[in-house]
């Protein structure tokens, strides 16, 4: 069984016309900052990994990020 990462599952839902919250996958700090600027602050940042099923269990969710410095 293959689990989809959050951005992958949202892409699939969008292909079927199901609206989701805006999501941009970033692989570096610079990409994350660029994505946050594109979406607009504040943003939520979440860890992504095939072995991480429950992000909150590993402290992988940060809410209300208001600037690149945060």
Protein backbone atom coordinates (compact mmCIF):
# COMPACT_ATOMS: atom_id res chain seq x y z
CA UNK A 1 0.00 0.00 0.00
CA UNK A 2 1.31 3.45 -0.91
CA UNK A 3 0.38 6.47 1.15
CA UNK A 4 0.16 9.84 -0.57
CA UNK A 5 1.83 12.89 0.89
CA UNK A 6 -0.56 15.73 1.64
CA UNK A 7 0.33 17.75 -1.45
CA UNK A 8 -0.08 14.62 -3.61
CA UNK A 9 -3.54 13.85 -2.22
CA UNK A 10 -4.64 17.46 -2.72
CA UNK A 11 -3.44 17.37 -6.35
CA UNK A 12 -5.51 14.23 -6.89
CA UNK A 13 -8.62 15.78 -5.32
CA UNK A 14 -8.21 18.93 -7.43
CA UNK A 15 -8.08 16.80 -10.60
CA UNK A 16 -11.56 15.55 -9.71
CA UNK A 17 -12.85 19.07 -9.10
CA UNK A 18 -12.72 18.89 -5.30
CA UNK A 19 -11.41 22.16 -3.85
CA UNK A 20 -8.74 22.05 -1.14
CA UNK A 21 -6.70 24.54 0.84
CA UNK A 22 -3.77 25.95 -1.14
CA UNK A 23 -0.68 23.81 -0.72
CA UNK A 24 2.85 24.23 -2.07
CA UNK A 25 5.48 21.55 -1.46
CA UNK A 26 8.90 22.98 -0.58
CA UNK A 27 12.15 21.06 -0.27
CA UNK A 28 14.31 23.79 1.26
CA UNK A 29 14.05 26.82 3.50
CA UNK A 30 14.30 29.16 0.49
CA UNK A 31 11.51 27.31 -1.32
CA UNK A 32 9.35 27.42 1.83
CA UNK A 33 9.82 31.19 2.16
CA UNK A 34 9.02 31.72 -1.53
CA UNK A 35 5.90 29.54 -1.20
CA UNK A 36 4.72 31.42 1.89
CA UNK A 37 5.18 34.75 0.10
CA UNK A 38 3.22 33.41 -2.89
CA UNK A 39 0.35 32.15 -0.71
CA UNK A 40 0.47 35.11 1.66
CA UNK A 41 1.19 35.18 5.38
CA UNK A 42 0.15 33.84 7.80
CA UNK A 43 0.67 30.23 6.72
CA UNK A 44 0.70 26.76 8.25
CA UNK A 45 3.84 24.70 7.75
CA UNK A 46 3.78 20.91 7.90
CA UNK A 47 6.51 18.30 7.66
CA UNK A 48 6.18 15.84 4.77
CA UNK A 49 7.61 12.36 4.63
CA UNK A 50 6.50 8.89 3.60
CA UNK A 51 7.25 7.54 7.09
CA UNK A 52 5.43 10.38 8.90
CA UNK A 53 1.73 9.57 8.90
CA UNK A 54 0.59 11.72 11.84
CA UNK A 55 2.42 15.04 11.61
CA UNK A 56 1.22 16.34 14.96
CA UNK A 57 2.62 13.27 16.75
CA UNK A 58 6.16 14.32 15.78
CA UNK A 59 5.72 18.08 16.25
CA UNK A 60 5.53 18.51 12.49
CA UNK A 61 2.86 21.22 12.31
CA UNK A 62 3.49 24.93 12.92
CA UNK A 63 0.46 27.23 12.83
CA UNK A 64 0.19 30.96 12.19
CA UNK A 65 3.66 31.59 10.69
CA UNK A 66 3.57 35.32 10.05
CA UNK A 67 6.97 36.10 8.49
CA UNK A 68 10.05 34.56 6.87
CA UNK A 69 11.93 34.98 10.16
CA UNK A 70 9.47 32.76 12.00
